[in-house]
Amino acid sequence: GGSGRLTLSMPETVVAADGEISVRF
């Protein structure tokens, strides 16, 4: 979105919802 792309690296893949990624561990 906008002029760039943001790559978030995590321990595992998580699906985004409502414009955000939220995970508990």
PDB file of all heavy atoms in Angstrom:
ATOM      1  N   GLY A   1       0.840  -1.192   0.000  1.00  0.00           N
ATOM      2  CA  GLY A   1       0.000   0.000   0.000  1.00  0.00           C
ATOM      3  C   GLY A   1       0.872   1.237   0.000  1.00  0.00           C
ATOM      4  O   GLY A   1       1.907   1.281   0.664  1.00  0.00           O
ATOM      5  N   GLY A   2       0.484   2.239  -0.782  1.00  0.00           N
ATOM      6  CA  GLY A   2       1.317   3.422  -0.899  1.00  0.00           C
ATOM      7  C   GLY A   2       2.516   3.149  -1.787  1.00  0.00           C
ATOM      8  O   GLY A   2       2.452   2.369  -2.742  1.00  0.00           O
ATOM      9  N   SER A   3       3.663   3.741  -1.439  1.00  0.00           N
ATOM     10  CA  SER A   3       4.832   3.690  -2.309  1.00  0.00           C
ATOM     11  C   SER A   3       5.763   2.526  -2.009  1.00  0.00           C
ATOM     12  O   SER A   3       6.817   2.423  -2.633  1.00  0.00           O
ATOM     13  CB  SER A   3       5.627   4.999  -2.182  1.00  0.00           C
ATOM     14  OG  SER A   3       6.087   5.160  -0.854  1.00  0.00           O
ATOM     15  N   GLY A   4       5.410   1.671  -1.077  1.00  0.00           N
ATOM     16  CA  GLY A   4       6.322   0.586  -0.726  1.00  0.00           C
ATOM     17  C   GLY A   4       5.598  -0.666  -0.271  1.00  0.00           C
ATOM     18  O   GLY A   4       4.364  -0.703  -0.183  1.00  0.00           O
ATOM     19  N   ARG A   5       6.413  -1.685   0.006  1.00  0.00           N
ATOM     20  CA  ARG A   5       5.891  -2.942   0.545  1.00  0.00           C
ATOM     21  C   ARG A   5       6.668  -3.286   1.816  1.00  0.00           C
ATOM     22  O   ARG A   5       7.875  -3.044   1.906  1.00  0.00           O
ATOM     23  CB  ARG A   5       6.021  -4.063  -0.483  1.00  0.00           C
ATOM     24  CG  ARG A   5       5.138  -3.846  -1.698  1.00  0.00           C
ATOM     25  CD  ARG A   5       5.164  -5.040  -2.635  1.00  0.00           C
ATOM     26  NE  ARG A   5       6.461  -5.193  -3.293  1.00  0.00           N
ATOM     27  CZ  ARG A   5       6.719  -6.132  -4.206  1.00  0.00           C
ATOM     28  NH1 ARG A   5       5.778  -7.004  -4.541  1.00  0.00           N
ATOM     29  NH2 ARG A   5       7.908  -6.196  -4.779  1.00  0.00           N
ATOM     30  N   LEU A   6       5.970  -3.855   2.763  1.00  0.00           N
ATOM     31  CA  LEU A   6       6.553  -4.205   4.054  1.00  0.00           C
ATOM     32  C   LEU A   6       6.498  -5.712   4.220  1.00  0.00           C
ATOM     33  O   LEU A   6       5.424  -6.320   4.141  1.00  0.00           O
ATOM     34  CB  LEU A   6       5.770  -3.539   5.191  1.00  0.00           C
ATOM     35  CG  LEU A   6       5.746  -2.007   5.160  1.00  0.00           C
ATOM     36  CD1 LEU A   6       4.677  -1.480   6.111  1.00  0.00           C
ATOM     37  CD2 LEU A   6       7.111  -1.445   5.525  1.00  0.00           C
ATOM     38  N   THR A   7       7.665  -6.312   4.436  1.00  0.00           N
ATOM     39  CA  THR A   7       7.741  -7.755   4.660  1.00  0.00           C
ATOM     40  C   THR A   7       7.977  -8.017   6.135  1.00  0.00           C
ATOM     41  O   THR A   7       9.001  -7.611   6.691  1.00  0.00           O
ATOM     42  CB  THR A   7       8.886  -8.381   3.836  1.00  0.00           C
ATOM     43  OG1 THR A   7       8.659  -8.133   2.443  1.00  0.00           O
ATOM     44  CG2 THR A   7       8.957  -9.885   4.077  1.00  0.00           C
ATOM     45  N   LEU A   8       7.009  -8.677   6.759  1.00  0.00           N
ATOM     46  CA  LEU A   8       7.125  -9.051   8.171  1.00  0.00           C
ATOM     47  C   LEU A   8       7.532 -10.512   8.255  1.00  0.00           C
ATOM     48  O   LEU A   8       6.830 -11.390   7.750  1.00  0.00           O
ATOM     49  CB  LEU A   8       5.795  -8.839   8.889  1.00  0.00           C
ATOM     50  CG  LEU A   8       5.752  -9.280  10.362  1.00  0.00           C
ATOM     51  CD1 LEU A   8       6.688  -8.423  11.207  1.00  0.00           C
ATOM     52  CD2 LEU A   8       4.326  -9.229  10.907  1.00  0.00           C
ATOM     53  N   SER A   9       8.676 -10.767   8.881  1.00  0.00           N
ATOM     54  CA  SER A   9       9.149 -12.133   9.090  1.00  0.00           C
ATOM     55  C   SER A   9       8.745 -12.585  10.488  1.00  0.00           C
ATOM     56  O   SER A   9       8.946 -11.858  11.471  1.00  0.00           O
ATOM     57  CB  SER A   9      10.674 -12.203   8.949  1.00  0.00           C
ATOM     58  OG  SER A   9      11.082 -11.737   7.679  1.00  0.00           O
ATOM     59  N   MET A  10       8.187 -13.802  10.561  1.00  0.00           N
ATOM     60  CA  MET A  10       7.658 -14.329  11.814  1.00  0.00           C
ATOM     61  C   MET A  10       8.039 -15.806  11.938  1.00  0.00           C
ATOM     62  O   MET A  10       8.463 -16.429  10.960  1.00  0.00           O
ATOM     63  CB  MET A  10       6.133 -14.195  11.838  1.00  0.00           C
ATOM     64  CG  MET A  10       5.606 -12.787  11.692  1.00  0.00           C
ATOM     65  SD  MET A  10       3.793 -12.747  11.704  1.00  0.00           S
ATOM     66  CE  MET A  10       3.421 -13.452  10.094  1.00  0.00           C
ATOM     67  N   PRO A  11       7.848 -16.390  13.132  1.00  0.00           N
ATOM     68  CA  PRO A  11       8.135 -17.827  13.270  1.00  0.00           C
ATOM     69  C   PRO A  11       7.241 -18.701  12.402  1.00  0.00           C
ATOM     70  O   PRO A  11       7.648 -19.767  11.960  1.00  0.00           O
ATOM     71  CB  PRO A  11       7.889 -18.098  14.760  1.00  0.00           C
ATOM     72  CG  PRO A  11       8.060 -16.766  15.417  1.00  0.00           C
ATOM     73  CD  PRO A  11       7.561 -15.766  14.428  1.00  0.00           C
ATOM     74  N   GLU A  12       6.014 -18.241  12.158  1.00  0.00           N
ATOM     75  CA  GLU A  12       5.099 -18.992  11.314  1.00  0.00           C
ATOM     76  C   GLU A  12       4.171 -18.012  10.599  1.00  0.00           C
ATOM     77  O   GLU A  12       4.078 -16.842  10.967  1.00  0.00           O
ATOM     78  CB  GLU A  12       4.263 -19.991  12.114  1.00  0.00           C
ATOM     79  CG  GLU A  12       3.385 -19.384  13.193  1.00  0.00           C
ATOM     80  CD  GLU A  12       4.121 -19.182  14.512  1.00  0.00           C
ATOM     81  OE1 GLU A  12       4.947 -20.047  14.868  1.00  0.00           O
ATOM     82  OE2 GLU A  12       3.890 -18.146  15.154  1.00  0.00           O
ATOM     83  N   THR A  13       3.499 -18.486   9.564  1.00  0.00           N
ATOM     84  CA  THR A  13       2.588 -17.639   8.803  1.00  0.00           C
ATOM     85  C   THR A  13       1.303 -17.424   9.576  1.00  0.00           C
ATOM     86  O   THR A  13       0.740 -18.359  10.144  1.00  0.00           O
ATOM     87  CB  THR A  13       2.280 -18.271   7.436  1.00  0.00           C
ATOM     88  OG1 THR A  13       3.513 -18.435   6.722  1.00  0.00           O
ATOM     89  CG2 THR A  13       1.340 -17.392   6.633  1.00  0.00           C
ATOM     90  N   VAL A  14       0.846 -16.176   9.609  1.00  0.00           N
ATOM     91  CA  VAL A  14      -0.404 -15.821  10.284  1.00  0.00           C
ATOM     92  C   VAL A  14      -1.237 -15.003   9.312  1.00  0.00           C
ATOM     93  O   VAL A  14      -0.714 -14.128   8.615  1.00  0.00           O
ATOM     94  CB  VAL A  14      -0.140 -15.016  11.570  1.00  0.00           C
ATOM     95  CG1 VAL A  14      -1.455 -14.619  12.221  1.00  0.00           C
ATOM     96  CG2 VAL A  14       0.718 -15.814  12.544  1.00  0.00           C
ATOM     97  N   VAL A  15      -2.536 -15.264   9.252  1.00  0.00           N
ATOM     98  CA  VAL A  15      -3.433 -14.562   8.343  1.00  0.00           C
ATOM     99  C   VAL A  15      -3.870 -13.243   8.978  1.00  0.00           C
ATOM    100  O   VAL A  15      -4.226 -13.191  10.159  1.00  0.00           O
ATOM    101  CB  VAL A  15      -4.664 -15.430   8.013  1.00  0.00           C
ATOM    102  CG1 VAL A  15      -5.639 -14.660   7.113  1.00  0.00           C
ATOM    103  CG2 VAL A  15      -4.232 -16.725   7.332  1.00  0.00           C
ATOM    104  N   ALA A  16      -3.826 -12.182   8.190  1.00  0.00           N
ATOM    105  CA  ALA A  16      -4.250 -10.867   8.669  1.00  0.00           C
ATOM    106  C   ALA A  16      -5.763 -10.768   8.675  1.00  0.00           C
ATOM    107  O   ALA A  16      -6.459 -11.432   7.886  1.00  0.00           O
ATOM    108  CB  ALA A  16      -3.661  -9.774   7.781  1.00  0.00           C
ATOM    109  N   ALA A  17      -6.292  -9.933   9.553  1.00  0.00           N
ATOM    110  CA  ALA A  17      -7.731  -9.667   9.614  1.00  0.00           C
ATOM    111  C   ALA A  17      -7.935  -8.242  10.096  1.00  0.00           C
ATOM    112  O   ALA A  17      -7.229  -7.763  10.992  1.00  0.00           O
ATOM    113  CB  ALA A  17      -8.416 -10.656  10.553  1.00  0.00           C
ATOM    114  N   ASP A  18      -8.877  -7.552   9.471  1.00  0.00           N
ATOM    115  CA  ASP A  18      -9.227  -6.184   9.874  1.00  0.00           C
ATOM    116  C   ASP A  18      -8.019  -5.248   9.854  1.00  0.00           C
ATOM    117  O   ASP A  18      -7.848  -4.399  10.737  1.00  0.00           O
ATOM    118  CB  ASP A  18      -9.869  -6.174  11.271  1.00  0.00           C
ATOM    119  CG  ASP A  18     -11.154  -6.984  11.321  1.00  0.00           C
ATOM    120  OD1 ASP A  18     -11.909  -6.952  10.328  1.00  0.00           O
ATOM    121  OD2 ASP A  18     -11.378  -7.660  12.343  1.00  0.00           O
ATOM    122  N   GLY A  19      -7.164  -5.412   8.855  1.00  0.00           N
ATOM    123  CA  GLY A  19      -6.049  -4.496   8.683  1.00  0.00           C
ATOM    124  C   GLY A  19      -4.910  -4.684   9.647  1.00  0.00           C
ATOM    125  O   GLY A  19      -4.080  -3.781   9.799  1.00  0.00           O
ATOM    126  N   GLU A  20      -4.821  -5.849  10.287  1.00  0.00           N
ATOM    127  CA  GLU A  20      -3.717  -6.078  11.205  1.00  0.00           C
ATOM    128  C   GLU A  20      -3.436  -7.565  11.333  1.00  0.00           C
ATOM    129  O   GLU A  20      -4.250  -8.413  10.929  1.00  0.00           O
ATOM    130  CB  GLU A  20      -4.007  -5.491  12.590  1.00  0.00           C
ATOM    131  CG  GLU A  20      -5.118  -6.204  13.337  1.00  0.00           C
ATOM    132  CD  GLU A  20      -5.322  -5.645  14.739  1.00  0.00           C
ATOM    133  OE1 GLU A  20      -5.285  -4.405  14.906  1.00  0.00           O
ATOM    134  OE2 GLU A  20      -5.545  -6.457  15.665  1.00  0.00           O
ATOM    135  N   ILE A  21      -2.284  -7.887  11.879  1.00  0.00           N
ATOM    136  CA  ILE A  21      -1.926  -9.260  12.229  1.00  0.00           C
ATOM    137  C   ILE A  21      -1.784  -9.319  13.744  1.00  0.00           C
ATOM    138  O   ILE A  21      -1.088  -8.494  14.342  1.00  0.00           O
ATOM    139  CB  ILE A  21      -0.611  -9.691  11.560  1.00  0.00           C
ATOM    140  CG1 ILE A  21      -0.808  -9.823  10.052  1.00  0.00           C
ATOM    141  CG2 ILE A  21      -0.102 -11.000  12.140  1.00  0.00           C
ATOM    142  CD1 ILE A  21       0.469 -10.128   9.298  1.00  0.00           C
ATOM    143  N   SER A  22      -2.469 -10.272  14.349  1.00  0.00           N
ATOM    144  CA  SER A  22      -2.398 -10.429  15.791  1.00  0.00           C
ATOM    145  C   SER A  22      -2.237 -11.904  16.110  1.00  0.00           C
ATOM    146  O   SER A  22      -2.971 -12.750  15.564  1.00  0.00           O
ATOM    147  CB  SER A  22      -3.649  -9.859  16.471  1.00  0.00           C
ATOM    148  OG  SER A  22      -3.533  -9.918  17.881  1.00  0.00           O
ATOM    149  N   VAL A  23      -1.281 -12.221  16.970  1.00  0.00           N
ATOM    150  CA  VAL A  23      -1.024 -13.620  17.303  1.00  0.00           C
ATOM    151  C   VAL A  23      -0.574 -13.709  18.751  1.00  0.00           C
ATOM    152  O   VAL A  23       0.117 -12.819  19.266  1.00  0.00           O
ATOM    153  CB  VAL A  23       0.045 -14.226  16.359  1.00  0.00           C
ATOM    154  CG1 VAL A  23       1.357 -13.485  16.455  1.00  0.00           C
ATOM    155  CG2 VAL A  23       0.243 -15.699  16.633  1.00  0.00           C
ATOM    156  N   ARG A  24      -0.991 -14.799  19.418  1.00  0.00           N
ATOM    157  CA  ARG A  24      -0.541 -15.081  20.786  1.00  0.00           C
ATOM    158  C   ARG A  24       0.264 -16.372  20.791  1.00  0.00           C
ATOM    159  O   ARG A  24      -0.037 -17.307  20.042  1.00  0.00           O
ATOM    160  CB  ARG A  24      -1.725 -15.209  21.737  1.00  0.00           C
ATOM    161  CG  ARG A  24      -2.461 -13.914  22.006  1.00  0.00           C
ATOM    162  CD  ARG A  24      -3.478 -14.079  23.112  1.00  0.00           C
ATOM    163  NE  ARG A  24      -4.115 -12.820  23.437  1.00  0.00           N
ATOM    164  CZ  ARG A  24      -4.864 -12.617  24.517  1.00  0.00           C
ATOM    165  NH1 ARG A  24      -5.070 -13.617  25.386  1.00  0.00           N
ATOM    166  NH2 ARG A  24      -5.405 -11.436  24.754  1.00  0.00           N
ATOM    167  N   PHE A  25       1.274 -16.409  21.652  1.00  0.00           N
ATOM    168  CA  PHE A  25       2.073 -17.622  21.780  1.00  0.00           C
ATOM    169  C   PHE A  25       2.614 -17.701  23.206  1.00  0.00           C
ATOM    170  O   PHE A  25       2.759 -16.672  23.893  1.00  0.00           O
ATOM    171  CB  PHE A  25       3.216 -17.645  20.755  1.00  0.00           C
ATOM    172  CG  PHE A  25       4.055 -16.400  20.718  1.00  0.00           C
ATOM    173  CD1 PHE A  25       5.194 -16.281  21.511  1.00  0.00           C
ATOM    174  CD2 PHE A  25       3.718 -15.332  19.884  1.00  0.00           C
ATOM    175  CE1 PHE A  25       5.964 -15.141  21.470  1.00  0.00           C
ATOM    176  CE2 PHE A  25       4.495 -14.175  19.848  1.00  0.00           C
ATOM    177  CZ  PHE A  25       5.618 -14.083  20.643  1.00  0.00           C
TER     178      PHE A  25
END
